Amino acid sequence: MNEVRTNTKAVVSLTLGILSIVIPFIGLVLGIIGVVISRMGLKEIESSNENGRGLAISGFICSLVGIVIYVFWIFLAIFSYYSFTNVEFNLEFISLLK
């Protein structure tokens, strides 16, 4: 009996994609690795006719969501840092004018 196997990279990419959303601080790295592995898995699935195309696509999407979340948090942290440091500078400048 000829069984069609599920691609291992598709399963790994879905796992990394979910972990990239859930785990803080290293989610960005996991998301990038998940995108790379999901693309590799999709290419293997097309060439070998294995199962797991939906898993690889889901892993790709989850990894992208994880990357977007952490890029948003990084920009928010940078924006917050500069806005709070500039507020202190502006307050000191205003007090010097009075």
N, C-alpha and C. Protein backbone atom coordinates (compact mmCIF):
# COMPACT_ATOMS: atom_id res chain seq x y z
N MET A 1 0.83 -1.18 0.00
CA MET A 1 0.00 0.00 0.00
C MET A 1 0.88 1.25 0.00
N ASN A 2 0.59 2.17 -0.87
CA ASN A 2 1.41 3.37 -1.02
C ASN A 2 0.78 4.52 -0.23
N GLU A 3 1.41 4.88 0.88
CA GLU A 3 0.90 5.95 1.72
C GLU A 3 1.59 7.26 1.35
N VAL A 4 0.80 8.33 1.31
CA VAL A 4 1.35 9.65 1.05
C VAL A 4 1.67 10.28 2.41
N ARG A 5 2.89 10.72 2.58
CA ARG A 5 3.33 11.26 3.86
C ARG A 5 3.11 12.77 3.92
N THR A 6 3.02 13.27 5.14
CA THR A 6 2.93 14.71 5.36
C THR A 6 4.34 15.27 5.45
N ASN A 7 4.56 16.36 4.79
CA ASN A 7 5.88 16.98 4.77
C ASN A 7 6.25 17.47 6.16
N THR A 8 7.43 17.11 6.61
CA THR A 8 7.89 17.47 7.96
C THR A 8 8.12 18.97 8.08
N LYS A 9 8.64 19.59 7.03
CA LYS A 9 8.90 21.03 7.09
C LYS A 9 7.61 21.83 7.20
N ALA A 10 6.52 21.30 6.65
CA ALA A 10 5.23 21.98 6.78
C ALA A 10 4.77 21.99 8.23
N VAL A 11 4.95 20.87 8.91
CA VAL A 11 4.57 20.77 10.32
C VAL A 11 5.45 21.69 11.16
N VAL A 12 6.75 21.69 10.88
CA VAL A 12 7.69 22.55 11.63
C VAL A 12 7.38 24.02 11.39
N SER A 13 7.03 24.38 10.17
CA SER A 13 6.74 25.79 9.89
C SER A 13 5.47 26.24 10.61
N LEU A 14 4.47 25.38 10.70
CA LEU A 14 3.26 25.74 11.44
C LEU A 14 3.57 25.88 12.92
N THR A 15 4.37 24.98 13.45
CA THR A 15 4.76 25.07 14.87
C THR A 15 5.53 26.35 15.14
N LEU A 16 6.48 26.68 14.29
CA LEU A 16 7.25 27.91 14.48
C LEU A 16 6.38 29.15 14.30
N GLY A 17 5.43 29.09 13.37
CA GLY A 17 4.53 30.22 13.17
C GLY A 17 3.68 30.50 14.39
N ILE A 18 3.14 29.44 15.00
CA ILE A 18 2.34 29.62 16.21
C ILE A 18 3.21 30.11 17.35
N LEU A 19 4.39 29.54 17.49
CA LEU A 19 5.30 29.98 18.55
C LEU A 19 5.76 31.42 18.35
N SER A 20 5.87 31.87 17.11
CA SER A 20 6.29 33.25 16.86
C SER A 20 5.25 34.24 17.34
N ILE A 21 4.00 33.83 17.37
CA ILE A 21 2.94 34.71 17.86
C ILE A 21 2.90 34.69 19.38
N VAL A 22 3.15 33.53 19.97
CA VAL A 22 2.93 33.33 21.41
C VAL A 22 4.13 33.72 22.26
N ILE A 23 5.34 33.39 21.82
CA ILE A 23 6.52 33.57 22.67
C ILE A 23 7.09 34.98 22.49
N PRO A 24 7.18 35.73 23.58
CA PRO A 24 7.75 37.08 23.47
C PRO A 24 9.27 37.05 23.32
N PHE A 25 9.81 38.14 22.82
CA PHE A 25 11.24 38.42 22.67
C PHE A 25 11.92 37.64 21.56
N ILE A 26 11.66 36.35 21.39
CA ILE A 26 12.29 35.61 20.30
C ILE A 26 11.30 35.30 19.18
N GLY A 27 10.09 35.85 19.28
CA GLY A 27 9.07 35.60 18.28
C GLY A 27 9.45 36.08 16.89
N LEU A 28 10.18 37.18 16.83
CA LEU A 28 10.62 37.71 15.53
C LEU A 28 11.55 36.73 14.84
N VAL A 29 12.49 36.17 15.58
CA VAL A 29 13.44 35.21 15.01
C VAL A 29 12.71 33.94 14.59
N LEU A 30 11.80 33.46 15.45
CA LEU A 30 11.04 32.27 15.10
C LEU A 30 10.17 32.50 13.87
N GLY A 31 9.62 33.70 13.73
CA GLY A 31 8.82 34.01 12.57
C GLY A 31 9.62 33.99 11.28
N ILE A 32 10.81 34.55 11.33
CA ILE A 32 11.67 34.56 10.14
C ILE A 32 12.07 33.14 9.75
N ILE A 33 12.43 32.34 10.74
CA ILE A 33 12.78 30.94 10.47
C ILE A 33 11.57 30.20 9.93
N GLY A 34 10.38 30.48 10.49
CA GLY A 34 9.16 29.83 10.03
C GLY A 34 8.83 30.15 8.59
N VAL A 35 9.05 31.40 8.18
CA VAL A 35 8.80 31.79 6.78
C VAL A 35 9.73 31.03 5.85
N VAL A 36 10.99 30.95 6.22
CA VAL A 36 11.98 30.26 5.37
C VAL A 36 11.63 28.78 5.25
N ILE A 37 11.33 28.14 6.38
CA ILE A 37 11.04 26.71 6.35
C ILE A 37 9.73 26.42 5.62
N SER A 38 8.73 27.30 5.77
CA SER A 38 7.47 27.07 5.06
C SER A 38 7.66 27.18 3.55
N ARG A 39 8.47 28.12 3.11
CA ARG A 39 8.75 28.22 1.66
C ARG A 39 9.49 26.98 1.16
N MET A 40 10.45 26.50 1.96
CA MET A 40 11.17 25.28 1.57
C MET A 40 10.20 24.09 1.53
N GLY A 41 9.31 24.03 2.52
CA GLY A 41 8.34 22.94 2.55
C GLY A 41 7.39 22.98 1.37
N LEU A 42 6.94 24.18 0.98
CA LEU A 42 6.06 24.29 -0.18
C LEU A 42 6.75 23.83 -1.47
N LYS A 43 8.02 24.16 -1.61
CA LYS A 43 8.76 23.71 -2.80
C LYS A 43 8.92 22.19 -2.81
N GLU A 44 9.18 21.61 -1.63
CA GLU A 44 9.30 20.15 -1.55
C GLU A 44 7.96 19.47 -1.84
N ILE A 45 6.87 20.05 -1.33
CA ILE A 45 5.54 19.47 -1.55
C ILE A 45 5.19 19.48 -3.03
N GLU A 46 5.52 20.57 -3.73
CA GLU A 46 5.23 20.63 -5.16
C GLU A 46 6.03 19.61 -5.96
N SER A 47 7.27 19.36 -5.54
CA SER A 47 8.10 18.44 -6.30
C SER A 47 7.86 16.97 -5.94
N SER A 48 7.45 16.68 -4.71
CA SER A 48 7.32 15.29 -4.28
C SER A 48 5.88 14.82 -4.10
N ASN A 49 4.91 15.70 -4.28
CA ASN A 49 3.49 15.37 -4.12
C ASN A 49 3.15 14.84 -2.73
N GLU A 50 3.80 15.38 -1.71
CA GLU A 50 3.47 15.01 -0.33
C GLU A 50 2.26 15.82 0.14
N ASN A 51 1.69 15.38 1.25
CA ASN A 51 0.63 16.14 1.90
C ASN A 51 1.24 17.24 2.75
N GLY A 52 0.42 18.20 3.14
CA GLY A 52 0.88 19.24 4.05
C GLY A 52 0.93 20.63 3.44
N ARG A 53 0.34 20.79 2.27
CA ARG A 53 0.36 22.12 1.64
C ARG A 53 -0.38 23.13 2.51
N GLY A 54 -1.52 22.75 3.06
CA GLY A 54 -2.28 23.65 3.94
C GLY A 54 -1.52 23.98 5.20
N LEU A 55 -0.79 23.00 5.74
CA LEU A 55 0.03 23.26 6.93
C LEU A 55 1.14 24.26 6.62
N ALA A 56 1.77 24.11 5.48
CA ALA A 56 2.86 25.02 5.11
C ALA A 56 2.34 26.43 4.89
N ILE A 57 1.17 26.55 4.23
CA ILE A 57 0.59 27.88 4.01
C ILE A 57 0.18 28.49 5.35
N SER A 58 -0.41 27.69 6.23
CA SER A 58 -0.79 28.20 7.56
C SER A 58 0.43 28.62 8.36
N GLY A 59 1.50 27.85 8.25
CA GLY A 59 2.74 28.22 8.93
C GLY A 59 3.32 29.51 8.39
N PHE A 60 3.22 29.69 7.09
CA PHE A 60 3.70 30.93 6.46
C PHE A 60 2.90 32.13 6.96
N ILE A 61 1.57 31.99 7.01
CA ILE A 61 0.72 33.09 7.45
C ILE A 61 0.94 33.39 8.93
N CYS A 62 1.01 32.35 9.76
CA CYS A 62 1.25 32.57 11.20
C CYS A 62 2.61 33.22 11.44
N SER A 63 3.60 32.80 10.68
CA SER A 63 4.93 33.41 10.82
C SER A 63 4.90 34.88 10.43
N LEU A 64 4.20 35.20 9.35
CA LEU A 64 4.09 36.60 8.94
C LEU A 64 3.35 37.43 9.99
N VAL A 65 2.30 36.86 10.57
CA VAL A 65 1.57 37.57 11.63
C VAL A 65 2.49 37.81 12.82
N GLY A 66 3.27 36.81 13.20
CA GLY A 66 4.22 36.98 14.30
C GLY A 66 5.26 38.05 14.00
N ILE A 67 5.76 38.07 12.77
CA ILE A 67 6.74 39.09 12.39
C ILE A 67 6.12 40.48 12.45
N VAL A 68 4.90 40.62 11.93
CA VAL A 68 4.23 41.93 11.93
C VAL A 68 3.98 42.40 13.36
N ILE A 69 3.56 41.49 14.23
CA ILE A 69 3.31 41.86 15.63
C ILE A 69 4.58 42.40 16.29
N TYR A 70 5.70 41.69 16.11
CA TYR A 70 6.91 42.11 16.79
C TYR A 70 7.56 43.33 16.15
N VAL A 71 7.41 43.50 14.84
CA VAL A 71 7.89 44.74 14.21
C VAL A 71 7.07 45.93 14.72
N PHE A 72 5.75 45.71 14.88
CA PHE A 72 4.90 46.76 15.45
C PHE A 72 5.35 47.12 16.87
N TRP A 73 5.65 46.11 17.68
CA TRP A 73 6.09 46.37 19.06
C TRP A 73 7.44 47.09 19.08
N ILE A 74 8.33 46.75 18.18
CA ILE A 74 9.62 47.43 18.11
C ILE A 74 9.44 48.89 17.74
N PHE A 75 8.61 49.16 16.71
CA PHE A 75 8.36 50.56 16.34
C PHE A 75 7.66 51.32 17.46
N LEU A 76 6.75 50.66 18.15
CA LEU A 76 6.06 51.30 19.27
C LEU A 76 7.05 51.62 20.40
N ALA A 77 7.97 50.71 20.67
CA ALA A 77 8.97 50.96 21.72
C ALA A 77 9.89 52.11 21.33
N ILE A 78 10.32 52.14 20.08
CA ILE A 78 11.19 53.23 19.62
C ILE A 78 10.45 54.56 19.67
N PHE A 79 9.22 54.58 19.19
CA PHE A 79 8.42 55.79 19.20
C PHE A 79 8.18 56.27 20.64
N SER A 80 7.87 55.34 21.53
CA SER A 80 7.63 55.70 22.93
C SER A 80 8.89 56.26 23.57
N TYR A 81 10.01 55.63 23.30
CA TYR A 81 11.27 56.10 23.88
C TYR A 81 11.56 57.53 23.44
N TYR A 82 11.46 57.77 22.14
CA TYR A 82 11.77 59.11 21.65
C TYR A 82 10.74 60.14 22.05
N SER A 83 9.48 59.73 22.14
CA SER A 83 8.47 60.70 22.55
C SER A 83 8.63 61.07 24.02
N PHE A 84 8.97 60.11 24.87
CA PHE A 84 9.16 60.43 26.29
C PHE A 84 10.45 61.21 26.52
N THR A 85 11.50 60.90 25.80
CA THR A 85 12.74 61.65 25.99
C THR A 85 12.61 63.06 25.44
N ASN A 86 11.87 63.25 24.36
CA ASN A 86 11.67 64.59 23.83
C ASN A 86 10.75 65.42 24.71
N VAL A 87 9.81 64.78 25.39
CA VAL A 87 8.92 65.51 26.30
C VAL A 87 9.74 66.10 27.44
N GLU A 88 10.66 65.33 27.97
CA GLU A 88 11.50 65.86 29.05
C GLU A 88 12.35 67.02 28.55
N PHE A 89 12.88 66.88 27.35
CA PHE A 89 13.68 67.97 26.80
C PHE A 89 12.83 69.20 26.58
N ASN A 90 11.64 69.01 26.03
CA ASN A 90 10.75 70.14 25.77
C ASN A 90 10.32 70.81 27.07
N LEU A 91 10.07 70.04 28.11
CA LEU A 91 9.68 70.64 29.38
C LEU A 91 10.82 71.45 29.98
N GLU A 92 12.05 70.96 29.88
CA GLU A 92 13.19 71.72 30.38
C GLU A 92 13.38 73.00 29.56
N PHE A 93 13.21 72.91 28.29
CA PHE A 93 13.35 74.08 27.41
C PHE A 93 12.30 75.13 27.73
N ILE A 94 11.07 74.68 27.95
CA ILE A 94 9.98 75.63 28.28
C ILE A 94 10.24 76.28 29.62
N SER A 95 10.75 75.51 30.58
CA SER A 95 11.01 76.10 31.90
C SER A 95 12.16 77.10 31.84
N LEU A 96 13.08 76.94 30.91
CA LEU A 96 14.18 77.89 30.77
C LEU A 96 13.70 79.20 30.13
N LEU A 97 12.65 79.12 29.32
CA LEU A 97 12.14 80.32 28.67
C LEU A 97 11.40 81.23 29.66
N LYS A 98 10.86 80.68 30.70
CA LYS A 98 10.05 81.48 31.63
C LYS A 98 10.87 82.34 32.54
